[in-house]
N, C-alpha and C. Protein backbone atom coordinates (compact mmCIF):
# COMPACT_ATOMS: atom_id res chain seq x y z
N UNK A 1 0.70 -1.14 0.22
CA UNK A 1 0.11 0.46 -0.22
C UNK A 1 1.14 1.62 0.14
N UNK A 2 0.00 1.81 -0.58
CA UNK A 2 0.91 3.54 -0.94
C UNK A 2 1.47 4.41 0.60
N UNK A 3 2.02 5.25 1.09
CA UNK A 3 1.87 6.40 1.84
C UNK A 3 0.85 7.24 1.81
N UNK A 4 0.55 7.36 0.19
CA UNK A 4 -0.20 8.51 0.20
C UNK A 4 -1.72 8.20 -0.56
N UNK A 5 -2.71 8.07 0.30
CA UNK A 5 -3.76 7.43 -0.30
C UNK A 5 -5.26 8.46 -0.71
N UNK A 6 -5.54 8.12 -1.56
CA UNK A 6 -6.85 9.47 -1.76
C UNK A 6 -8.53 8.41 -1.88
N UNK A 7 -9.25 9.51 -1.50
CA UNK A 7 -10.85 8.52 -1.12
C UNK A 7 -11.16 9.66 -1.70
N UNK A 8 -12.29 9.32 -2.92
CA UNK A 8 -13.23 9.59 -3.65
C UNK A 8 -14.84 8.92 -3.35
N UNK A 9 -15.29 10.05 -3.07
CA UNK A 9 -16.41 9.86 -2.52
C UNK A 9 -16.57 8.90 -1.29
N UNK A 10 -15.79 8.22 -0.82
CA UNK A 10 -16.10 7.44 0.17
C UNK A 10 -14.99 6.27 -0.35
N UNK A 11 -14.60 6.06 -1.76
CA UNK A 11 -13.60 5.19 -1.85
C UNK A 11 -12.67 5.25 -2.07
N UNK A 12 -11.84 4.23 -1.45
CA UNK A 12 -10.18 4.84 -1.60
C UNK A 12 -10.13 4.09 -3.63
N UNK A 13 -8.82 4.92 -4.24
CA UNK A 13 -8.01 4.56 -4.99
C UNK A 13 -7.10 3.80 -4.48
N UNK A 14 -7.22 2.42 -6.10
CA UNK A 14 -6.26 1.28 -5.81
C UNK A 14 -4.72 2.35 -6.04
N UNK A 15 -3.73 2.02 -5.42
CA UNK A 15 -2.66 2.81 -5.31
C UNK A 15 -1.67 3.21 -6.67
N UNK A 16 -2.15 2.61 -7.40
CA UNK A 16 -1.66 3.76 -9.02
C UNK A 16 -2.05 4.80 -9.51
N UNK A 17 -3.43 4.63 -8.86
CA UNK A 17 -4.23 5.70 -9.22
C UNK A 17 -4.26 6.82 -7.93
N UNK A 18 -3.65 6.35 -6.65
CA UNK A 18 -3.57 7.11 -5.82
C UNK A 18 -1.93 8.32 -6.39
N UNK A 19 -2.03 7.44 -6.40
CA UNK A 19 -0.05 8.21 -6.45
C UNK A 19 0.11 9.04 -7.92
N UNK A 20 -0.92 9.41 -9.15
CA UNK A 20 -1.33 9.74 -10.37
C UNK A 20 -1.47 10.43 -10.10
N UNK A 21 -3.40 10.83 -8.98
CA UNK A 21 -3.72 11.80 -8.54
C UNK A 21 -2.76 12.57 -7.86
N UNK A 22 -1.82 11.95 -6.63
CA UNK A 22 -0.69 13.11 -5.34
C UNK A 22 -0.34 13.49 -6.42
N UNK A 23 0.12 13.49 -7.46
CA UNK A 23 1.62 13.52 -9.02
C UNK A 23 0.71 14.77 -9.15
N UNK A 24 -0.68 14.76 -9.50
CA UNK A 24 -1.01 16.11 -10.18
C UNK A 24 -1.32 16.47 -9.73
N UNK A 25 -1.96 16.92 -8.27
CA UNK A 25 -2.98 17.45 -6.76
C UNK A 25 -0.91 17.84 -6.38
N UNK A 26 0.20 17.53 -6.87
CA UNK A 26 1.28 18.29 -6.37
C UNK A 26 1.98 19.78 -6.63
N UNK A 27 1.88 19.29 -8.64
CA UNK A 27 1.90 19.54 -9.33
C UNK A 27 1.13 21.14 -9.38
N UNK A 28 -0.16 21.12 -9.14
CA UNK A 28 -1.22 21.92 -9.83
C UNK A 28 -1.07 23.15 -8.33
N UNK A 29 0.05 22.73 -6.93
CA UNK A 29 -0.75 23.47 -6.67
C UNK A 29 1.01 24.14 -5.92
N UNK A 30 1.81 23.06 -6.92
CA UNK A 30 3.06 24.50 -6.87
C UNK A 30 2.73 25.89 -8.09
N UNK A 31 1.83 25.19 -8.86
CA UNK A 31 1.78 26.89 -9.91
C UNK A 31 0.24 27.46 -9.71
N UNK A 32 -0.02 26.77 -8.29
CA UNK A 32 -0.96 27.49 -8.06
C UNK A 32 -1.62 27.45 -6.67
N UNK A 33 -0.78 27.88 -5.62
CA UNK A 33 -0.63 28.22 -4.24
C UNK A 33 -2.09 28.22 -3.64
N UNK A 34 -2.65 27.02 -2.84
CA UNK A 34 -4.21 27.24 -2.05
C UNK A 34 -4.46 27.18 -3.08
N UNK A 35 -4.95 26.65 -4.14
CA UNK A 35 -6.84 26.41 -4.70
C UNK A 35 -6.82 25.29 -4.94
N UNK A 36 -7.05 24.87 -3.54
CA UNK A 36 -7.93 23.36 -3.76
C UNK A 36 -9.48 23.06 -5.38
N UNK A 37 -9.61 24.74 -4.86
CA UNK A 37 -11.70 24.66 -5.82
C UNK A 37 -10.83 23.95 -7.72
N UNK A 38 -9.66 25.77 -7.68
CA UNK A 38 -9.04 25.10 -8.98
C UNK A 38 -8.40 23.49 -9.46
N UNK A 39 -7.79 23.02 -8.03
CA UNK A 39 -7.36 21.67 -9.07
C UNK A 39 -9.00 20.61 -9.12
N UNK A 40 -9.62 20.67 -8.19
CA UNK A 40 -11.35 20.19 -8.52
C UNK A 40 -11.54 20.07 -9.42
N UNK A 41 -11.80 21.53 -9.59
CA UNK A 41 -12.87 21.29 -11.41
C UNK A 41 -11.07 21.53 -12.52
N UNK A 42 -10.45 21.14 -11.85
CA UNK A 42 -8.95 20.52 -13.42
C UNK A 42 -9.89 19.06 -13.33
N UNK A 43 -9.73 18.56 -11.95
CA UNK A 43 -10.68 17.12 -12.30
C UNK A 43 -11.71 16.75 -12.14
N UNK A 44 -12.55 17.61 -12.83
CA UNK A 44 -14.21 17.32 -13.09
C UNK A 44 -14.62 17.48 -11.93
N UNK A 45 -14.16 17.71 -10.38
CA UNK A 45 -14.77 17.15 -8.61
C UNK A 45 -15.52 18.35 -8.80
N UNK A 46 -16.51 18.60 -7.35
CA UNK A 46 -16.23 19.38 -6.75
C UNK A 46 -15.44 19.73 -6.35
N UNK A 47 -15.26 19.10 -5.56
CA UNK A 47 -14.15 19.92 -4.13
C UNK A 47 -12.58 18.46 -3.75
N UNK A 48 -11.86 18.95 -3.24
CA UNK A 48 -10.54 17.89 -2.38
C UNK A 48 -10.21 18.54 -1.41
N UNK A 49 -9.50 18.06 -0.62
CA UNK A 49 -9.15 18.22 0.87
C UNK A 49 -8.41 17.38 1.57
N UNK A 50 -7.25 17.98 1.45
CA UNK A 50 -5.73 17.00 2.17
C UNK A 50 -6.20 16.77 3.69
N UNK A 51 -6.54 16.11 4.18
CA UNK A 51 -6.39 14.99 5.95
C UNK A 51 -4.95 14.73 5.91
N UNK A 52 -4.63 14.31 7.26
CA UNK A 52 -4.25 13.29 7.35
C UNK A 52 -4.76 12.32 7.96
N UNK A 53 -4.66 11.28 8.43
CA UNK A 53 -5.50 9.94 8.56
C UNK A 53 -4.04 9.13 9.30
N UNK A 54 -4.13 9.13 10.76
CA UNK A 54 -3.06 8.49 11.56
C UNK A 54 -1.66 8.41 10.82
N UNK A 55 -0.96 9.54 10.38
CA UNK A 55 0.07 9.93 10.08
C UNK A 55 0.43 9.69 8.94
N UNK A 56 -1.05 9.45 8.74
CA UNK A 56 -0.82 9.06 6.63
C UNK A 56 -1.56 9.90 5.54
N UNK A 57 -0.72 11.35 4.72
CA UNK A 57 -1.20 11.66 3.55
C UNK A 57 -2.57 11.13 3.49
N UNK A 58 -3.43 11.80 3.29
CA UNK A 58 -4.97 11.29 2.50
C UNK A 58 -5.72 12.64 1.24
N UNK A 59 -5.81 12.15 0.39
CA UNK A 59 -7.13 13.36 0.16
C UNK A 59 -7.80 12.59 -0.23
N UNK A 60 -9.31 14.36 0.42
CA UNK A 60 -10.46 13.83 -0.13
C UNK A 60 -11.39 14.15 -0.90
N UNK A 61 -11.45 13.26 -1.64
CA UNK A 61 -12.27 14.15 -2.98
C UNK A 61 -13.34 13.88 -3.57
N UNK A 62 -14.63 14.98 -4.00
CA UNK A 62 -16.03 14.31 -4.21
C UNK A 62 -16.10 14.66 -5.31
N UNK A 63 -17.91 14.40 -6.07
CA UNK A 63 -17.65 14.62 -7.04
C UNK A 63 -19.16 15.81 -7.10
N UNK A 64 -19.72 15.29 -5.58
CA UNK A 64 -20.82 16.61 -5.14
C UNK A 64 -20.65 17.29 -3.67
N UNK A 65 -19.46 17.31 -3.05
CA UNK A 65 -19.69 17.74 -1.70
C UNK A 65 -18.69 19.64 -1.93
N UNK A 66 -19.14 20.32 -1.90
CA UNK A 66 -18.77 21.40 -2.22
C UNK A 66 -17.30 21.59 -1.33
N UNK A 67 -16.33 22.25 -2.05
CA UNK A 67 -14.92 22.61 -1.90
C UNK A 67 -15.48 23.77 -0.30
N UNK A 68 -14.57 23.09 0.09
CA UNK A 68 -14.42 24.37 1.60
C UNK A 68 -12.59 24.96 0.90
N UNK A 69 -12.84 25.72 1.95
CA UNK A 69 -10.96 26.74 2.10
C UNK A 69 -10.12 25.76 2.36
N UNK A 70 -8.99 26.67 1.92
CA UNK A 70 -7.37 25.60 1.94
C UNK A 70 -7.02 26.21 3.54
N UNK A 71 -6.80 25.22 4.30
CA UNK A 71 -6.51 25.37 5.76
C UNK A 71 -5.15 24.29 6.02
N UNK A 72 -4.86 24.10 7.24
CA UNK A 72 -3.70 22.69 7.60
C UNK A 72 -5.10 21.70 7.38
N UNK A 73 -4.29 20.39 7.31
CA UNK A 73 -4.96 19.34 6.81
C UNK A 73 -5.39 18.63 8.58
N UNK A 74 -6.47 18.94 8.64
CA UNK A 74 -7.25 17.97 10.07
C UNK A 74 -6.18 16.42 10.06
N UNK A 75 -6.66 16.61 11.27
CA UNK A 75 -5.79 15.26 11.80
C UNK A 75 -6.91 14.07 12.62
N UNK A 76 -6.90 12.74 11.94
CA UNK A 76 -7.85 12.07 11.76
C UNK A 76 -7.39 10.79 12.38
N UNK A 77 -7.73 10.08 13.08
CA UNK A 77 -7.85 8.82 13.95
C UNK A 77 -8.33 7.32 12.06
N UNK A 78 -6.84 6.47 12.01
CA UNK A 78 -6.73 5.99 11.31
C UNK A 78 -8.35 4.81 10.89
């Protein structure tokens, strides 16, 4: 299992898809600091939100949930 996870509408993406998603996310954020909504839109999603789950970075992506403002990643239990 990869250390970088992506959960799309409650379902974890396979490791290879999660790594590719994180790579696109990192490239986007390097060029558009803090623009989560712009990245979500580029992926045809409603929102993307980073969180930490038990020390593991997770991107929560949704096709329906509205984007919340960029903040420090909340820390959650796994």
